[in-house]
Protein backbone atom coordinates (compact mmCIF):
# COMPACT_ATOMS: atom_id res chain seq x y z
CA UNK A 1 -32.81 4.83 -3.62
CA UNK A 2 -28.81 4.43 -3.03
CA UNK A 3 -29.00 0.56 -3.24
CA UNK A 4 -26.56 0.24 -0.24
CA UNK A 5 -28.00 -3.55 0.67
CA UNK A 6 -25.40 -4.94 2.59
CA UNK A 7 -25.23 -7.67 0.37
CA UNK A 8 -22.40 -7.34 -1.71
CA UNK A 9 -21.01 -9.33 -4.45
CA UNK A 10 -17.47 -11.23 -3.26
CA UNK A 11 -15.02 -7.88 -4.32
CA UNK A 12 -12.57 -7.98 -6.22
CA UNK A 13 -9.03 -9.36 -5.24
CA UNK A 14 -5.98 -7.38 -4.15
CA UNK A 15 -3.88 -7.80 -7.16
CA UNK A 16 -6.99 -6.94 -9.74
CA UNK A 17 -7.47 -3.75 -7.30
CA UNK A 18 -4.08 -2.79 -7.23
CA UNK A 19 -3.62 -3.55 -11.07
CA UNK A 20 -6.77 -1.56 -11.73
CA UNK A 21 -5.51 1.47 -9.46
CA UNK A 22 -1.98 0.98 -10.75
CA UNK A 23 -3.36 1.44 -14.36
CA UNK A 24 -5.63 4.67 -13.54
CA UNK A 25 -2.85 6.26 -12.55
CA UNK A 26 -0.48 5.64 -15.42
CA UNK A 27 -3.20 6.11 -18.48
CA UNK A 28 -4.55 9.48 -16.91
CA UNK A 29 -1.00 10.86 -16.46
CA UNK A 30 -0.48 10.01 -19.94
CA UNK A 31 -3.64 11.33 -21.30
CA UNK A 32 -3.21 14.36 -19.25
CA UNK A 33 0.26 14.98 -20.48
CA UNK A 34 -0.85 14.67 -24.36
CA UNK A 35 -3.60 17.25 -23.05
CA UNK A 36 -1.13 19.62 -22.30
CA UNK A 37 0.83 19.16 -24.89
CA UNK A 38 -1.76 19.16 -27.61
CA UNK A 39 -2.74 22.45 -25.74
CA UNK A 40 0.37 24.22 -25.80
CA UNK A 41 0.99 23.53 -29.42
CA UNK A 42 -2.17 24.51 -30.71
CA UNK A 43 -2.61 27.51 -28.50
CA UNK A 44 0.44 29.38 -27.57
CA UNK A 45 -0.98 31.83 -25.38
CA UNK A 46 -1.59 28.78 -22.91
CA UNK A 47 1.81 27.92 -22.50
CA UNK A 48 2.27 29.76 -19.41
CA UNK A 49 -0.80 28.68 -17.75
CA UNK A 50 0.28 28.03 -14.29
CA UNK A 51 -1.77 25.23 -13.80
CA UNK A 52 -0.35 23.09 -17.00
CA UNK A 53 3.10 22.90 -14.07
CA UNK A 54 3.42 18.84 -14.36
CA UNK A 55 3.79 19.07 -10.42
CA UNK A 56 0.58 20.62 -10.55
CA UNK A 57 -1.86 18.46 -12.18
CA UNK A 58 -0.07 15.28 -11.82
CA UNK A 59 -0.41 15.41 -7.96
CA UNK A 60 -3.66 16.39 -8.26
CA UNK A 61 -4.46 13.28 -10.83
CA UNK A 62 -2.59 10.73 -8.71
CA UNK A 63 -5.00 11.85 -5.62
CA UNK A 64 -8.10 12.00 -7.13
CA UNK A 65 -7.46 8.43 -9.02
CA UNK A 66 -6.36 7.02 -5.28
CA UNK A 67 -9.58 8.49 -3.83
CA UNK A 68 -11.43 7.14 -6.64
CA UNK A 69 -9.53 3.69 -5.85
CA UNK A 70 -10.56 3.89 -2.45
CA UNK A 71 -14.52 4.52 -2.81
CA UNK A 72 -14.67 1.91 -5.36
CA UNK A 73 -13.21 -0.46 -2.77
CA UNK A 74 -15.53 0.83 0.30
CA UNK A 75 -18.79 0.43 -2.56
CA UNK A 76 -18.01 -2.62 -3.75
CA UNK A 77 -18.34 -3.67 0.09
CA UNK A 78 -21.29 -2.41 0.87
CA UNK A 79 -23.49 -2.87 -2.46
CA UNK A 80 -24.82 -5.26 -4.65
CA UNK A 81 -25.49 -2.73 -7.35
CA UNK A 82 -21.62 -1.22 -6.88
CA UNK A 83 -21.51 -0.21 -10.60
CA UNK A 84 -24.33 1.14 -10.54
CA UNK A 85 -23.86 3.24 -7.51
CA UNK A 86 -20.10 4.39 -8.33
CA UNK A 87 -21.27 5.92 -11.92
CA UNK A 88 -23.61 8.14 -10.43
CA UNK A 89 -20.86 8.96 -7.66
CA UNK A 90 -18.22 9.90 -10.57
CA UNK A 91 -20.48 11.69 -12.27
CA UNK A 92 -21.27 14.05 -9.12
CA UNK A 93 -17.87 14.21 -8.28
CA UNK A 94 -17.36 15.47 -12.29
CA UNK A 95 -19.45 18.06 -11.77
CA UNK A 96 -17.84 19.06 -8.02
CA UNK A 97 -14.44 19.33 -9.85
CA UNK A 98 -15.59 21.32 -12.78
CA UNK A 99 -16.65 24.21 -10.31
CA UNK A 100 -12.86 24.99 -9.40
CA UNK A 101 -12.31 25.48 -13.51
CA UNK A 102 -15.33 27.57 -13.66
CA UNK A 103 -14.30 29.71 -10.84
CA UNK A 104 -10.78 30.07 -12.49
CA UNK A 105 -12.25 31.24 -15.69
CA UNK A 106 -14.25 33.41 -13.91
CA UNK A 107 -11.68 34.99 -12.39
CA UNK A 108 -9.91 36.34 -15.65
CA UNK A 109 -8.31 33.08 -16.32
CA UNK A 110 -7.56 32.07 -20.11
CA UNK A 111 -10.48 30.35 -21.52
CA UNK A 112 -8.61 27.76 -23.76
CA UNK A 113 -6.08 26.88 -20.90
CA UNK A 114 -9.71 26.24 -18.54
CA UNK A 115 -11.42 24.24 -21.34
CA UNK A 116 -8.30 22.10 -21.30
CA UNK A 117 -8.26 21.41 -17.19
CA UNK A 118 -12.07 20.48 -18.00
CA UNK A 119 -11.36 18.15 -20.91
CA UNK A 120 -8.31 16.47 -18.11
CA UNK A 121 -10.81 15.67 -15.64
CA UNK A 122 -13.08 14.31 -17.53
CA UNK A 123 -10.16 12.23 -19.50
CA UNK A 124 -9.30 10.95 -15.54
CA UNK A 125 -12.78 10.40 -14.43
CA UNK A 126 -13.71 8.20 -17.87
CA UNK A 127 -10.35 5.99 -17.62
CA UNK A 128 -10.91 5.65 -13.56
CA UNK A 129 -14.65 4.55 -13.79
CA UNK A 130 -13.64 1.74 -16.67
CA UNK A 131 -10.72 0.54 -15.52
CA UNK A 132 -12.06 0.04 -11.90
CA UNK A 133 -15.21 -1.46 -12.72
CA UNK A 134 -14.10 -3.79 -15.47
CA UNK A 135 -11.04 -5.03 -14.09
CA UNK A 136 -10.96 -4.80 -10.34
CA UNK A 137 -15.13 -5.75 -10.81
CA UNK A 138 -17.10 -7.83 -8.08
CA UNK A 139 -16.51 -11.12 -8.87
CA UNK A 140 -20.27 -12.00 -8.69
CA UNK A 141 -21.25 -9.29 -11.23
CA UNK A 142 -18.98 -11.14 -13.88
CA UNK A 143 -19.17 -14.78 -12.72
CA UNK A 144 -15.56 -14.86 -11.48
CA UNK A 145 -16.91 -15.99 -7.99
CA UNK A 146 -13.94 -17.95 -7.09
CA UNK A 147 -12.00 -17.00 -4.02
CA UNK A 148 -8.71 -16.72 -5.56
CA UNK A 149 -9.66 -15.78 -9.01
CA UNK A 150 -8.86 -19.84 -10.39
CA UNK A 151 -11.52 -21.04 -12.43
CA UNK A 152 -13.22 -23.55 -10.77
CA UNK A 153 -13.55 -25.78 -13.74
CA UNK A 154 -10.16 -27.43 -14.44
CA UNK A 155 -11.28 -27.28 -18.45
CA UNK A 156 -11.64 -23.08 -18.52
CA UNK A 157 -7.83 -23.05 -17.24
CA UNK A 158 -5.49 -21.85 -19.82
CA UNK A 159 -2.48 -25.13 -20.47
CA UNK A 160 0.63 -23.60 -18.77
CA UNK A 161 2.59 -24.74 -22.30
CA UNK A 162 0.25 -21.90 -23.66
CA UNK A 163 0.84 -19.45 -20.66
CA UNK A 164 4.50 -19.34 -21.34
CA UNK A 165 4.60 -19.48 -24.75
CA UNK A 166 2.24 -16.36 -24.70
CA UNK A 167 4.14 -14.44 -21.72
CA UNK A 168 7.29 -15.68 -23.37
CA UNK A 169 6.32 -13.96 -26.84
CA UNK A 170 5.22 -10.49 -25.17
CA UNK A 171 8.80 -10.87 -23.28
CA UNK A 172 10.47 -10.85 -26.77
CA UNK A 173 8.34 -7.77 -28.39
CA UNK A 174 9.50 -6.06 -25.20
CA UNK A 175 12.76 -7.04 -26.00
CA UNK A 176 12.23 -5.87 -29.65
CA UNK A 177 10.66 -2.30 -28.12
CA UNK A 178 13.86 -1.91 -26.31
CA UNK A 179 16.50 -2.32 -29.29
CA UNK A 180 14.32 -0.30 -31.62
CA UNK A 181 14.00 2.42 -28.57
CA UNK A 182 18.17 2.37 -28.34
CA UNK A 183 18.12 2.34 -32.39
CA UNK A 184 16.49 5.72 -31.70
CA UNK A 185 18.88 6.99 -29.61
CA UNK A 186 21.29 6.41 -31.89
CA UNK A 187 19.36 7.75 -34.92
CA UNK A 188 17.49 10.85 -33.80
CA UNK A 189 19.30 13.52 -32.48
CA UNK A 190 19.13 13.87 -28.53
CA UNK A 191 18.39 18.00 -28.44
CA UNK A 192 15.51 17.93 -30.99
CA UNK A 193 12.83 19.97 -30.34
CA UNK A 194 10.08 19.04 -28.98
CA UNK A 195 7.72 17.09 -31.23
CA UNK A 196 5.44 14.06 -31.58
CA UNK A 197 7.85 12.58 -34.84
CA UNK A 198 11.00 14.04 -35.36
CA UNK A 199 12.59 15.60 -38.39
CA UNK A 200 15.27 12.74 -38.85
CA UNK A 201 15.03 9.23 -37.99
CA UNK A 202 11.42 9.15 -38.93
CA UNK A 203 11.33 5.63 -39.85
CA UNK A 204 12.62 4.13 -36.60
CA UNK A 205 10.97 6.29 -34.52
CA UNK A 206 7.44 5.15 -36.02
CA UNK A 207 8.27 1.74 -35.69
CA UNK A 208 9.57 2.58 -32.20
CA UNK A 209 6.13 3.85 -31.54
CA UNK A 210 3.95 1.37 -33.26
CA UNK A 211 5.72 -1.49 -31.62
CA UNK A 212 5.04 0.55 -28.25
CA UNK A 213 1.30 0.70 -29.11
CA UNK A 214 1.09 -2.85 -29.71
CA UNK A 215 3.07 -3.68 -27.02
CA UNK A 216 0.50 -1.79 -24.96
CA UNK A 217 -2.30 -3.47 -26.26
CA UNK A 218 -0.85 -7.01 -25.99
CA UNK A 219 0.05 -6.27 -22.40
CA UNK A 220 -3.80 -5.55 -21.56
CA UNK A 221 -4.86 -8.57 -23.22
CA UNK A 222 -2.42 -10.62 -21.55
CA UNK A 223 -3.82 -8.96 -18.09
CA UNK A 224 -7.35 -9.93 -18.85
CA UNK A 225 -6.26 -13.50 -19.70
CA UNK A 226 -4.44 -13.56 -16.40
CA UNK A 227 -7.30 -14.75 -14.79
CA UNK A 228 -7.28 -17.83 -16.54
CA UNK A 229 -3.97 -18.45 -15.69
CA UNK A 230 -1.93 -19.82 -12.78
CA UNK A 231 -0.45 -17.70 -9.74
CA UNK A 232 2.75 -16.78 -12.08
CA UNK A 233 0.92 -15.85 -14.56
CA UNK A 234 -1.20 -13.48 -13.09
CA UNK A 235 2.00 -12.12 -11.11
CA UNK A 236 3.77 -12.10 -14.71
CA UNK A 237 0.59 -10.14 -16.39
CA UNK A 238 0.29 -7.62 -13.87
CA UNK A 239 4.39 -7.00 -13.98
CA UNK A 240 4.04 -6.59 -17.14
CA UNK A 241 1.35 -4.34 -17.52
CA UNK A 242 2.61 -1.75 -14.86
CA UNK A 243 6.09 -1.94 -16.77
CA UNK A 244 4.62 -1.42 -19.96
CA UNK A 245 2.85 1.89 -18.46
CA UNK A 246 5.98 3.05 -16.79
CA UNK A 247 7.36 2.70 -20.17
CA UNK A 248 4.61 4.76 -21.87
CA UNK A 249 5.21 7.49 -19.23
CA UNK A 250 8.65 7.40 -19.83
CA UNK A 251 8.07 7.25 -23.57
CA UNK A 252 5.76 10.55 -23.16
CA UNK A 253 8.73 12.18 -21.23
CA UNK A 254 10.85 11.91 -23.69
CA UNK A 255 9.13 13.84 -26.27
CA UNK A 256 9.95 17.13 -24.56
CA UNK A 257 14.02 18.27 -24.27
CA UNK A 258 13.26 19.27 -20.44
CA UNK A 259 12.49 15.98 -19.52
CA UNK A 260 14.20 13.75 -22.24
CA UNK A 261 16.83 12.24 -20.10
CA UNK A 262 14.95 11.46 -17.27
CA UNK A 263 12.09 9.89 -19.83
CA UNK A 264 14.63 7.57 -21.12
CA UNK A 265 15.51 6.59 -17.82
CA UNK A 266 12.01 5.53 -17.10
CA UNK A 267 11.55 3.75 -20.00
CA UNK A 268 14.17 1.19 -19.24
CA UNK A 269 13.10 0.73 -15.88
CA UNK A 270 9.58 -0.08 -17.51
CA UNK A 271 11.23 -2.37 -19.94
CA UNK A 272 13.25 -4.41 -16.73
CA UNK A 273 10.26 -4.91 -15.22
CA UNK A 274 7.95 -6.06 -18.22
CA UNK A 275 10.42 -8.18 -19.13
CA UNK A 276 10.93 -9.83 -15.53
CA UNK A 277 7.21 -10.51 -15.20
CA UNK A 278 6.56 -11.91 -18.50
CA UNK A 279 9.72 -14.63 -18.30
CA UNK A 280 8.22 -15.45 -15.00
CA UNK A 281 5.94 -18.68 -16.16
CA UNK A 282 9.21 -19.53 -17.85
CA UNK A 283 11.26 -19.31 -15.09
CA UNK A 284 8.92 -21.05 -12.69
CA UNK A 285 8.62 -24.39 -15.28
CA UNK A 286 12.68 -24.17 -15.66
CA UNK A 287 13.06 -24.32 -11.34
CA UNK A 288 10.22 -27.20 -11.51
CA UNK A 289 12.10 -28.97 -14.47
CA UNK A 290 15.39 -28.95 -12.54
CA UNK A 291 14.00 -30.01 -9.11
CA UNK A 292 12.19 -32.83 -10.84
CA UNK A 293 15.80 -33.79 -12.95
CA UNK A 294 17.57 -33.45 -9.03
CA UNK A 295 14.69 -35.84 -7.74
CA UNK A 296 14.96 -38.44 -10.36
CA UNK A 297 18.68 -38.52 -9.55
CA UNK A 298 18.70 -38.93 -6.09
CA UNK A 299 15.92 -42.06 -7.09
CA UNK A 300 17.87 -43.36 -9.28
CA UNK A 301 20.83 -43.38 -6.63
CA UNK A 302 18.58 -45.16 -4.24
CA UNK A 303 17.25 -47.66 -5.99
CA UNK A 304 20.92 -48.91 -7.15
CA UNK A 305 21.20 -51.01 -3.92
CA UNK A 306 17.88 -53.32 -4.40
CA UNK A 307 18.66 -55.43 -1.70
CA UNK A 308 20.40 -55.10 2.08
CA UNK A 309 21.81 -58.12 4.07
CA UNK A 310 19.72 -58.43 6.96
CA UNK A 311 22.71 -59.52 9.25
CA UNK A 312 25.00 -56.42 8.23
CA UNK A 313 23.05 -54.03 6.16
CA UNK A 314 25.31 -54.26 3.51
CA UNK A 315 23.81 -53.60 -0.24
CA UNK A 316 23.95 -56.24 -3.15
CA UNK A 317 24.76 -54.55 -6.64
CA UNK A 318 23.00 -55.52 -9.64
CA UNK A 319 23.69 -58.81 -10.76
CA UNK A 320 24.85 -60.37 -7.76
CA UNK A 321 23.61 -63.81 -6.40
CA UNK A 322 22.53 -63.46 -2.48
CA UNK A 323 24.22 -66.57 -0.49
CA UNK A 324 23.72 -68.10 3.22
CA UNK A 325 24.63 -65.57 5.59
CA UNK A 326 24.74 -65.59 9.56
CA UNK A 327 23.42 -69.37 10.81
CA UNK A 328 22.53 -70.28 7.40
CA UNK A 329 26.04 -70.70 6.41
CA UNK A 330 27.43 -74.07 6.63
CA UNK A 331 30.96 -74.29 7.48
CA UNK A 332 32.25 -77.57 5.49
CA UNK A 333 34.79 -80.57 6.33
CA UNK A 334 38.56 -79.86 6.98
CA UNK A 335 40.62 -81.29 3.89
CA UNK A 336 41.48 -85.22 5.02
CA UNK A 337 38.64 -85.12 7.91
CA UNK A 338 36.79 -88.06 7.79
CA UNK A 339 32.90 -87.61 7.94
CA UNK A 340 30.53 -90.42 9.32
CA UNK A 341 27.43 -91.17 6.96
CA UNK A 342 24.51 -89.32 9.26
CA UNK A 343 26.13 -86.59 8.29
CA UNK A 344 26.82 -84.94 11.94
CA UNK A 345 30.78 -85.23 11.28
CA UNK A 346 31.46 -87.95 13.84
CA UNK A 347 34.73 -89.93 13.38
CA UNK A 348 33.51 -93.83 13.03
CA UNK A 349 35.27 -95.98 15.77
CA UNK A 350 37.97 -97.87 14.03
CA UNK A 351 37.72 -101.66 13.38
């Protein structure tokens, strides 16, 4: 009934599992922050709702995602139908989590605030389930069965040059997003009221947001493509998607006046992490090229001596002609010395 048959497919790699978990935490927190922002903006009566404190729902969100990720890591090792089983567990957990919300409503809490909490729980469940089963999938369920996530056929792997170009392009987009962020700091008043679109500097703020959305989509796409890249490409993709996610959290925090300065700092950290990650394949290639040049220089130095004298170990330079050495050398006659016709240097008798 539960399909726990102890015949699982190969479990997801640690990189995929960690990446899916971090992405679930980041996306869930962002969606919850947006849900609270919309609720308090559209329904002013919920602004003092005690459960809308960031530390309150933020802590519960992180704990819930970590529990779900741990459950998925166990299920993929127990069942060949891990996705089928995990979906039903998530549905049951979702219904259980709604029970405290119903109790809050029964105790007289604001209906709109309670409804928002239920929506937040649902968003976390949907995001976490999809990211875990699609990113950290059991390798046998999608044809990715190679132990280290490398394609078994070399023709299925992305060329290293293409990886460097795509990853470097993402790094340029990250730098562009940073430049637009600096432009927002200069053009938009720091002490502006909380609003999705400010009254001043609207155009650069909108460009900053549009590039950020494009960067997020690109980060997820590159992360999915990294399964066909080399080790450094996969590491760079993970750092990139984590950095973009951290930057997104900082952007949401910067929307509110009370958390604007910490949010800007979080955005800067995310930009640095993402840029380093996307530059990793190019930096690796530069290091390999420098090592190859050094090795070529050493080989040229060794090839400068083409032969060595066997008796003295001396090196003959290019263009030099090797002459007789040691026993091969023949001492010539001294000036005025008479040499016999037999060639042995004996002096003939006088007549």
